[in-house]
Amino acid sequence: MLTIGVDVGGTSVRAGVVDGFGTVHDTASAPTPRSVAALEAALAGVITELTGRHRVDAVGLALAGFITPDRRTVRFAPHLSWRDAPVAERISTRIGMPVVLEHDANAAALAERHFGAAAGASTVVFLALGTGIGSALLLDGELFRGAFGVAPELGHLRVVPDGRPCACGKTGCWERYCSGTALATTAVELLARDPNRSPVLHRLLRDQGRVTGRLVAAAARDGDPVACAAMDELARWLGEGLALVADTFDPEVVVIGGGVSMSAPLFLDEAREHYASRITGAGRRPLARIRTAQLGEAAAVVGAGQLAREAAQP
């Protein structure tokens, strides 16, 4: 059975034809429109493009947002236009096939569980470190969505009382200290204390008005002292948060994905060490395997395709 998985992002819609082994056979993409009508037309367009070349049985849509437990309605998606919208029914009517919805982190976690870094594991935590932290939890190999379909929001665990303000309205959230955005924020704070410590980042900040996590990671690879210090801070907070997560869920495997995971050699070993020292019962209990994601940007597409396959099978 071939299915289509679609990663509905804030800037682009990426679709792929996926088989039961997690292989993507064909792709189509389009920019993400702002209005609901244009967005749903764009989705129908990329799906129709692929169904014109392949016989497909079902479609899965993966997106960042709150989705009802029946996976039919988008309650809220911060970077998309839908609000309490019956998206699965609308798209299904347009394309004439079953459609299922899923949070993008859930879809990526499922893909890594079936075909990637968490293959065969029973209890899995997936963390997508990007602009913020997307997260997913599998218990006994099944996605855990919570009573209302919004679990788990691990990025908004408060790790620093009265810490950095977060877009969610709280302060001190984990993603404000452990994400691509947080990496840049930490570097800028360190620069403010001693601008001469990093002429490269100081010049970027002066000339461009901003420093991104990607630029900080690149500078850290070159040995820049401020960038390396910021990366050390990210590693410490990753380990700190992982200890909280492990104390709560006791996972067998933690998979680190998202754009920041591309820089894992710069921080993951230190994060593992900090996690191992901070977990309750340190030295007297098994530790989770902490691995980087294997499927990269295709994970949400593959996972959405797998969910569509499961939903379509009797």
Protein backbone atom coordinates (compact mmCIF):
# COMPACT_ATOMS: atom_id res chain seq x y z
CA MET A 1 0.00 0.00 0.00
CA LEU A 2 1.32 3.43 -0.98
CA THR A 3 0.24 6.48 0.98
CA ILE A 4 1.04 10.18 0.91
CA GLY A 5 2.53 11.95 3.89
CA VAL A 6 2.43 15.75 3.96
CA ASP A 7 4.51 17.98 6.23
CA VAL A 8 2.50 21.20 6.48
CA GLY A 9 5.04 23.76 7.64
CA GLY A 10 4.82 27.47 8.22
CA THR A 11 6.76 28.27 5.03
CA SER A 12 6.29 25.22 2.79
CA VAL A 13 4.07 22.21 2.20
CA ARG A 14 6.14 19.08 1.45
CA ALA A 15 4.45 15.86 0.33
CA GLY A 16 5.86 12.42 -0.41
CA VAL A 17 4.65 9.04 -1.64
CA VAL A 18 5.64 6.54 1.08
CA ASP A 19 5.65 2.74 1.07
CA GLY A 20 5.40 0.32 3.98
CA PHE A 21 9.18 0.25 4.43
CA GLY A 22 9.42 4.02 4.99
CA THR A 23 10.85 4.74 1.56
CA VAL A 24 9.81 8.01 -0.12
CA HIS A 25 9.32 7.34 -3.84
CA ASP A 26 8.25 10.75 -5.11
CA THR A 27 7.81 14.27 -3.75
CA ALA A 28 5.94 17.50 -4.44
CA SER A 29 6.01 20.84 -2.65
CA ALA A 30 4.49 24.31 -2.61
CA PRO A 31 4.81 27.50 -0.54
CA THR A 32 2.44 27.69 2.43
CA PRO A 33 -0.32 30.25 1.73
CA ARG A 34 -1.68 32.48 4.48
CA SER A 35 -5.45 32.07 4.01
CA VAL A 36 -7.43 28.91 4.83
CA ALA A 37 -8.86 28.59 1.32
CA ALA A 38 -5.48 28.99 -0.37
CA LEU A 39 -3.81 26.61 2.08
CA GLU A 40 -6.36 23.85 1.48
CA ALA A 41 -6.09 24.40 -2.28
CA ALA A 42 -2.30 24.09 -2.05
CA LEU A 43 -2.61 20.83 -0.11
CA ALA A 44 -5.04 19.43 -2.64
CA GLY A 45 -2.68 20.54 -5.39
CA VAL A 46 0.43 18.71 -4.15
CA ILE A 47 -1.60 15.61 -3.33
CA THR A 48 -3.26 15.59 -6.74
CA GLU A 49 0.12 16.02 -8.41
CA LEU A 50 1.36 12.85 -6.72
CA THR A 51 -1.80 10.82 -7.22
CA GLY A 52 -1.50 11.63 -10.90
CA ARG A 53 1.71 9.58 -10.92
CA HIS A 54 0.99 6.92 -8.27
CA ARG A 55 -1.91 4.84 -7.02
CA VAL A 56 -2.36 5.93 -3.42
CA ASP A 57 -4.83 4.73 -0.78
CA ALA A 58 -4.75 7.35 1.99
CA VAL A 59 -3.16 10.64 3.07
CA GLY A 60 -1.64 11.80 6.36
CA LEU A 61 -1.10 15.47 7.23
CA ALA A 62 1.55 16.39 9.82
CA LEU A 63 1.58 19.90 11.31
CA ALA A 64 2.63 21.82 14.40
CA GLY A 65 -0.55 22.48 16.36
CA PHE A 66 -3.26 21.13 18.63
CA ILE A 67 -5.27 18.34 17.02
CA THR A 68 -8.38 16.64 18.44
CA PRO A 69 -7.95 13.05 19.71
CA ASP A 70 -9.88 11.66 16.73
CA ARG A 71 -7.28 13.33 14.48
CA ARG A 72 -9.92 15.03 12.36
CA THR A 73 -9.86 18.67 13.49
CA VAL A 74 -7.12 21.27 13.97
CA ARG A 75 -7.91 23.22 17.13
CA PHE A 76 -5.03 25.67 16.78
CA ALA A 77 -1.85 25.89 14.72
CA PRO A 78 0.33 28.92 15.54
CA HIS A 79 1.94 29.16 12.07
CA LEU A 80 -1.11 28.18 10.00
CA SER A 81 -4.55 29.69 9.40
CA TRP A 82 -6.75 26.89 10.79
CA ARG A 83 -8.77 27.48 13.96
CA ASP A 84 -11.19 24.73 15.09
CA ALA A 85 -11.23 23.54 11.47
CA PRO A 86 -12.41 20.06 10.31
CA VAL A 87 -9.37 19.77 8.06
CA ALA A 88 -9.43 15.99 7.52
CA GLU A 89 -13.01 16.08 6.23
CA ARG A 90 -12.39 19.09 3.99
CA ILE A 91 -9.27 17.67 2.35
CA SER A 92 -10.79 14.20 2.08
CA THR A 93 -13.77 15.67 0.22
CA ARG A 94 -11.43 17.46 -2.18
CA ILE A 95 -9.23 14.48 -3.02
CA GLY A 96 -11.64 11.57 -2.59
CA MET A 97 -9.45 9.61 -0.16
CA PRO A 98 -9.23 9.05 3.62
CA VAL A 99 -7.21 11.73 5.43
CA VAL A 100 -5.79 11.63 8.97
CA LEU A 101 -4.09 14.45 10.90
CA GLU A 102 -1.19 14.31 13.33
CA HIS A 103 1.16 16.62 15.19
CA ASP A 104 4.42 16.81 13.25
CA ALA A 105 6.56 15.71 16.21
CA ASN A 106 4.30 12.68 16.72
CA ALA A 107 4.62 11.80 13.04
CA ALA A 108 8.41 12.11 13.16
CA ALA A 109 8.58 10.02 16.34
CA LEU A 110 6.50 7.28 14.75
CA ALA A 111 8.78 7.26 11.70
CA GLU A 112 11.89 6.94 13.89
CA ARG A 113 10.18 4.14 15.85
CA HIS A 114 9.37 2.14 12.73
CA PHE A 115 12.33 2.93 10.49
CA GLY A 116 14.98 4.94 12.32
CA ALA A 117 16.85 5.62 15.55
CA ALA A 118 14.18 4.14 17.86
CA ALA A 119 13.46 1.01 15.83
CA GLY A 120 11.95 -1.69 18.05
CA ALA A 121 11.96 0.40 21.23
CA SER A 122 8.89 0.33 23.46
CA THR A 123 9.10 3.60 25.43
CA VAL A 124 10.46 6.49 23.38
CA VAL A 125 10.78 10.24 23.84
CA PHE A 126 11.35 12.27 20.68
CA LEU A 127 12.65 15.84 20.87
CA ALA A 128 12.82 18.12 17.83
CA LEU A 129 15.22 20.92 18.70
CA GLY A 130 14.58 23.78 16.30
CA THR A 131 13.03 27.21 16.77
CA GLY A 132 11.56 25.70 19.93
CA ILE A 133 11.20 22.13 21.16
CA GLY A 134 8.69 19.82 19.57
CA SER A 135 8.17 16.58 21.46
CA ALA A 136 6.44 13.23 21.31
CA LEU A 137 6.04 10.21 23.56
CA LEU A 138 5.50 6.57 22.67
CA LEU A 139 4.38 4.16 25.37
CA ASP A 140 4.43 0.44 24.52
CA GLY A 141 5.19 1.55 20.97
CA GLU A 142 2.00 3.64 20.69
CA LEU A 143 1.79 7.42 20.48
CA PHE A 144 0.53 9.04 23.67
CA ARG A 145 -1.55 12.12 22.90
CA GLY A 146 -3.17 12.83 26.27
CA ALA A 147 -6.85 13.25 27.08
CA PHE A 148 -7.32 16.22 24.76
CA GLY A 149 -4.76 15.51 22.05
CA VAL A 150 -2.08 18.03 23.06
CA ALA A 151 0.45 15.94 25.02
CA PRO A 152 3.36 16.17 25.55
CA GLU A 153 4.46 19.82 25.52
CA LEU A 154 7.89 19.10 26.99
CA GLY A 155 9.39 22.28 25.58
CA HIS A 156 7.27 24.25 28.01
CA LEU A 157 8.41 22.52 31.16
CA ARG A 158 9.65 25.31 33.41
CA VAL A 159 13.33 24.70 34.14
CA VAL A 160 14.26 28.20 35.34
CA PRO A 161 11.86 29.99 37.74
CA ASP A 162 11.48 33.62 36.61
CA GLY A 163 13.72 32.86 33.64
CA ARG A 164 13.54 34.03 30.04
CA PRO A 165 10.04 34.94 28.80
CA CYS A 166 8.47 32.45 26.42
CA ALA A 167 5.94 32.99 23.63
CA CYS A 168 3.58 30.62 25.48
CA GLY A 169 3.16 33.25 28.19
CA LYS A 170 5.27 31.57 30.87
CA THR A 171 8.87 32.22 31.83
CA GLY A 172 11.80 29.85 32.10
CA CYS A 173 10.55 27.21 29.64
CA TRP A 174 13.00 24.50 28.58
CA GLU A 175 12.90 25.61 24.93
CA ARG A 176 14.10 29.08 25.94
CA TYR A 177 17.37 27.46 27.04
CA CYS A 178 17.65 24.46 24.72
CA SER A 179 16.78 25.20 21.08
CA GLY A 180 18.20 26.96 18.05
CA THR A 181 16.63 30.21 19.22
CA ALA A 182 17.98 29.69 22.73
CA LEU A 183 21.47 29.07 21.37
CA ALA A 184 21.42 32.47 19.68
CA THR A 185 19.98 34.17 22.78
CA THR A 186 22.70 32.71 24.98
CA ALA A 187 25.42 33.81 22.56
CA VAL A 188 24.07 37.37 22.49
CA GLU A 189 23.94 37.47 26.31
CA LEU A 190 27.54 36.28 26.50
CA LEU A 191 28.61 38.85 23.90
CA ALA A 192 26.99 41.63 25.94
CA ARG A 193 29.28 40.76 28.84
CA ASP A 194 32.45 40.73 26.73
CA PRO A 195 32.14 41.85 23.07
CA ASN A 196 35.87 41.41 22.49
CA ARG A 197 35.72 37.71 23.31
CA SER A 198 34.22 36.94 19.88
CA PRO A 199 35.04 39.44 17.13
CA VAL A 200 33.23 37.23 14.57
CA LEU A 201 29.87 37.08 16.35
CA HIS A 202 30.18 40.69 17.50
CA ARG A 203 30.65 41.81 13.89
CA LEU A 204 27.67 39.71 12.74
CA LEU A 205 25.50 41.21 15.45
CA ARG A 206 26.64 44.73 14.59
CA ASP A 207 26.25 44.32 10.80
CA GLN A 208 23.12 42.16 10.62
CA GLY A 209 21.39 43.11 13.86
CA ARG A 210 20.89 39.49 14.84
CA VAL A 211 22.71 36.23 15.42
CA THR A 212 21.00 32.93 14.57
CA GLY A 213 21.48 29.51 16.09
CA ARG A 214 22.85 28.29 12.76
CA LEU A 215 25.53 30.99 12.79
CA VAL A 216 26.46 30.22 16.38
CA ALA A 217 26.78 26.50 15.56
CA ALA A 218 29.02 27.30 12.60
CA ALA A 219 31.18 29.55 14.77
CA ALA A 220 31.42 26.83 17.43
CA ARG A 221 32.71 24.38 14.82
CA ASP A 222 35.47 26.92 14.10
CA GLY A 223 36.34 27.14 17.78
CA ASP A 224 34.89 30.57 18.53
CA PRO A 225 35.00 30.91 22.35
CA VAL A 226 31.59 32.59 22.78
CA ALA A 227 29.90 30.15 20.43
CA CYS A 228 31.52 27.21 22.20
CA ALA A 229 30.39 28.58 25.58
CA ALA A 230 26.83 28.97 24.25
CA MET A 231 26.93 25.38 22.97
CA ASP A 232 28.10 24.22 26.41
CA GLU A 233 25.11 25.98 27.95
CA LEU A 234 22.74 24.26 25.51
CA ALA A 235 24.31 20.90 26.39
CA ARG A 236 23.86 21.57 30.11
CA TRP A 237 20.21 22.49 29.73
CA LEU A 238 19.56 19.55 27.42
CA GLY A 239 20.97 17.23 30.06
CA GLU A 240 19.00 18.96 32.81
CA GLY A 241 15.72 18.62 30.91
CA LEU A 242 16.44 15.04 29.89
CA ALA A 243 16.86 14.13 33.56
CA LEU A 244 13.40 15.56 34.28
CA VAL A 245 11.93 13.69 31.33
CA ALA A 246 13.61 10.43 32.35
CA ASP A 247 12.43 10.78 35.94
CA THR A 248 8.88 11.17 34.62
CA PHE A 249 8.71 8.62 31.78
CA ASP A 250 11.78 6.37 32.22
CA PRO A 251 12.25 5.99 28.44
CA GLU A 252 14.27 3.29 26.76
CA VAL A 253 15.39 5.63 23.97
CA VAL A 254 15.48 9.41 23.54
CA VAL A 255 15.76 10.58 19.93
CA ILE A 256 17.08 14.07 19.26
CA GLY A 257 15.93 15.54 15.96
CA GLY A 258 15.32 18.98 14.48
CA GLY A 259 17.81 21.37 12.94
CA VAL A 260 19.95 21.63 16.08
CA SER A 261 20.62 17.88 15.95
CA MET A 262 22.85 18.50 12.92
CA SER A 263 25.35 19.97 15.41
CA ALA A 264 25.09 17.02 17.84
CA PRO A 265 28.85 16.33 17.87
CA LEU A 266 29.28 19.72 19.54
CA PHE A 267 26.94 19.07 22.48
CA LEU A 268 25.48 15.58 22.77
CA ASP A 269 28.27 13.85 24.71
CA GLU A 270 28.28 16.63 27.30
CA ALA A 271 24.48 16.52 27.49
CA ARG A 272 24.58 12.75 28.09
CA GLU A 273 27.07 13.22 30.94
CA HIS A 274 24.98 15.94 32.57
CA TYR A 275 21.81 13.86 32.19
CA ALA A 276 23.52 10.85 33.77
CA SER A 277 24.63 12.93 36.76
CA ARG A 278 21.28 14.70 37.31
CA ILE A 279 18.84 11.80 37.00
CA THR A 280 17.31 10.53 40.23
CA GLY A 281 19.27 7.52 41.43
CA ALA A 282 22.28 8.42 39.34
CA GLY A 283 24.67 5.49 39.06
CA ARG A 284 22.08 3.00 40.34
CA ARG A 285 19.65 2.69 37.44
CA PRO A 286 19.78 2.05 33.68
CA LEU A 287 20.06 5.11 31.46
CA ALA A 288 18.11 5.78 28.29
CA ARG A 289 19.98 5.54 25.02
CA ILE A 290 20.19 9.06 23.61
CA ARG A 291 20.47 9.00 19.84
CA THR A 292 20.18 11.48 16.99
CA ALA A 293 17.36 11.07 14.47
CA GLN A 294 18.15 9.10 11.33
CA LEU A 295 15.40 10.22 8.94
CA GLY A 296 16.13 13.95 8.90
CA GLU A 297 13.67 16.26 7.18
CA ALA A 298 11.76 13.28 5.74
CA ALA A 299 10.65 12.05 9.18
CA ALA A 300 7.31 13.89 9.38
CA VAL A 301 6.42 12.90 5.80
CA VAL A 302 7.29 9.24 6.46
CA GLY A 303 5.44 9.22 9.77
CA ALA A 304 2.33 10.86 8.32
CA GLY A 305 2.35 8.29 5.53
CA GLN A 306 2.62 5.46 8.07
CA LEU A 307 -0.28 6.87 10.11
CA ALA A 308 -2.37 7.10 6.97
CA ARG A 309 -1.55 3.45 6.22
CA GLU A 310 -2.58 2.35 9.73
CA ALA A 311 -5.81 4.33 9.53
CA ALA A 312 -6.73 2.92 6.13
CA GLN A 313 -6.13 -0.72 6.98
CA PRO A 314 -9.12 -2.65 8.37
